[in-house]
């Protein structure tokens, strides 16, 4: 956990865009944690999946793929 805390303390130094995809229906990892994570980055943003839980890539692959495509699309397209 020390390594994770050390990394988290430096999130604000990363100036690239960060997109956090979070499941709204997760019973253990509440949406507030996703909000906090995205806000830790200067250019962070949060996208939520209403029925999503912990394993979004397995349970909602289309939503995750759509967000990856949106994040990697050139700005002028």
C-alpha atoms as a PDB file:
ATOM      1  CA  UNK A   1       0.000   0.000   0.000  1.00  0.00           C
ATOM      2  CA  UNK A   2       2.988   2.343   0.456  1.00  0.00           C
ATOM      3  CA  UNK A   3       3.717   2.220  -3.266  1.00  0.00           C
ATOM      4  CA  UNK A   4       0.096   3.095  -4.083  1.00  0.00           C
ATOM      5  CA  UNK A   5       0.041   5.986  -1.625  1.00  0.00           C
ATOM      6  CA  UNK A   6       3.317   7.286  -3.040  1.00  0.00           C
ATOM      7  CA  UNK A   7       1.934   7.156  -6.585  1.00  0.00           C
ATOM      8  CA  UNK A   8      -1.337   8.804  -5.526  1.00  0.00           C
ATOM      9  CA  UNK A   9       0.550  11.685  -3.942  1.00  0.00           C
ATOM     10  CA  UNK A  10       1.950  12.536  -7.394  1.00  0.00           C
ATOM     11  CA  UNK A  11      -1.251  12.375  -9.465  1.00  0.00           C
ATOM     12  CA  UNK A  12      -1.481  16.169  -9.517  1.00  0.00           C
ATOM     13  CA  UNK A  13       1.885  16.327 -11.295  1.00  0.00           C
ATOM     14  CA  UNK A  14       0.581  14.462 -14.337  1.00  0.00           C
ATOM     15  CA  UNK A  15      -0.661  17.054 -16.827  1.00  0.00           C
ATOM     16  CA  UNK A  16      -2.013  14.738 -19.514  1.00  0.00           C
ATOM     17  CA  UNK A  17      -5.705  13.974 -19.863  1.00  0.00           C
ATOM     18  CA  UNK A  18      -7.099  11.253 -17.610  1.00  0.00           C
ATOM     19  CA  UNK A  19     -10.499   9.648 -18.124  1.00  0.00           C
ATOM     20  CA  UNK A  20     -11.855   7.592 -15.225  1.00  0.00           C
ATOM     21  CA  UNK A  21     -14.671   5.160 -16.072  1.00  0.00           C
ATOM     22  CA  UNK A  22     -16.639   4.141 -12.999  1.00  0.00           C
ATOM     23  CA  UNK A  23     -19.609   1.887 -12.319  1.00  0.00           C
ATOM     24  CA  UNK A  24     -22.470   3.541 -10.454  1.00  0.00           C
ATOM     25  CA  UNK A  25     -23.885   0.246  -9.160  1.00  0.00           C
ATOM     26  CA  UNK A  26     -20.745  -0.978  -7.382  1.00  0.00           C
ATOM     27  CA  UNK A  27     -21.553  -1.695  -3.735  1.00  0.00           C
ATOM     28  CA  UNK A  28     -17.965  -1.422  -2.528  1.00  0.00           C
ATOM     29  CA  UNK A  29     -16.371   1.259  -4.716  1.00  0.00           C
ATOM     30  CA  UNK A  30     -18.876   4.110  -4.543  1.00  0.00           C
ATOM     31  CA  UNK A  31     -19.084   6.739  -7.261  1.00  0.00           C
ATOM     32  CA  UNK A  32     -17.610   9.289  -4.847  1.00  0.00           C
ATOM     33  CA  UNK A  33     -14.292   7.420  -5.019  1.00  0.00           C
ATOM     34  CA  UNK A  34     -14.301   7.735  -8.813  1.00  0.00           C
ATOM     35  CA  UNK A  35     -14.998  11.451  -8.461  1.00  0.00           C
ATOM     36  CA  UNK A  36     -12.109  11.849  -6.028  1.00  0.00           C
ATOM     37  CA  UNK A  37      -9.790   9.915  -8.325  1.00  0.00           C
ATOM     38  CA  UNK A  38     -10.661  11.986 -11.376  1.00  0.00           C
ATOM     39  CA  UNK A  39     -10.288  15.224  -9.390  1.00  0.00           C
ATOM     40  CA  UNK A  40      -6.797  14.206  -8.263  1.00  0.00           C
ATOM     41  CA  UNK A  41      -5.572  14.833 -11.826  1.00  0.00           C
ATOM     42  CA  UNK A  42      -5.422  18.378 -13.238  1.00  0.00           C
ATOM     43  CA  UNK A  43      -7.104  17.235 -16.475  1.00  0.00           C
ATOM     44  CA  UNK A  44      -9.158  14.389 -15.052  1.00  0.00           C
ATOM     45  CA  UNK A  45     -12.702  13.592 -16.077  1.00  0.00           C
ATOM     46  CA  UNK A  46     -15.206  11.033 -14.862  1.00  0.00           C
ATOM     47  CA  UNK A  47     -17.611   8.960 -16.927  1.00  0.00           C
ATOM     48  CA  UNK A  48     -20.012   6.673 -15.099  1.00  0.00           C
ATOM     49  CA  UNK A  49     -21.818   3.559 -16.258  1.00  0.00           C
ATOM     50  CA  UNK A  50     -25.245   3.430 -14.543  1.00  0.00           C
ATOM     51  CA  UNK A  51     -25.478  -0.372 -14.157  1.00  0.00           C
ATOM     52  CA  UNK A  52     -21.714  -0.830 -13.921  1.00  0.00           C
ATOM     53  CA  UNK A  53     -19.914  -2.500 -11.076  1.00  0.00           C
ATOM     54  CA  UNK A  54     -16.271  -3.362 -10.404  1.00  0.00           C
ATOM     55  CA  UNK A  55     -15.367  -5.241 -13.583  1.00  0.00           C
ATOM     56  CA  UNK A  56     -16.547  -2.800 -16.247  1.00  0.00           C
ATOM     57  CA  UNK A  57     -14.382  -4.265 -19.043  1.00  0.00           C
ATOM     58  CA  UNK A  58     -16.054  -7.660 -18.524  1.00  0.00           C
ATOM     59  CA  UNK A  59     -19.596  -6.555 -17.707  1.00  0.00           C
ATOM     60  CA  UNK A  60     -19.875  -3.506 -19.999  1.00  0.00           C
ATOM     61  CA  UNK A  61     -17.222  -3.875 -22.705  1.00  0.00           C
ATOM     62  CA  UNK A  62     -19.119  -1.685 -25.192  1.00  0.00           C
ATOM     63  CA  UNK A  63     -19.195   1.245 -22.756  1.00  0.00           C
ATOM     64  CA  UNK A  64     -15.495   0.875 -21.991  1.00  0.00           C
ATOM     65  CA  UNK A  65     -14.611   0.567 -25.693  1.00  0.00           C
ATOM     66  CA  UNK A  66     -16.689   3.667 -26.500  1.00  0.00           C
ATOM     67  CA  UNK A  67     -14.818   5.684 -23.867  1.00  0.00           C
ATOM     68  CA  UNK A  68     -11.442   4.457 -25.097  1.00  0.00           C
ATOM     69  CA  UNK A  69     -12.363   5.417 -28.653  1.00  0.00           C
ATOM     70  CA  UNK A  70     -13.561   8.854 -27.513  1.00  0.00           C
ATOM     71  CA  UNK A  71     -10.391   9.416 -25.509  1.00  0.00           C
ATOM     72  CA  UNK A  72      -8.108   8.478 -28.377  1.00  0.00           C
ATOM     73  CA  UNK A  73      -9.990  10.260 -31.165  1.00  0.00           C
ATOM     74  CA  UNK A  74      -8.174  13.306 -32.542  1.00  0.00           C
ATOM     75  CA  UNK A  75      -9.634  16.566 -31.200  1.00  0.00           C
ATOM     76  CA  UNK A  76     -10.671  17.847 -34.631  1.00  0.00           C
ATOM     77  CA  UNK A  77     -12.700  14.822 -35.742  1.00  0.00           C
END
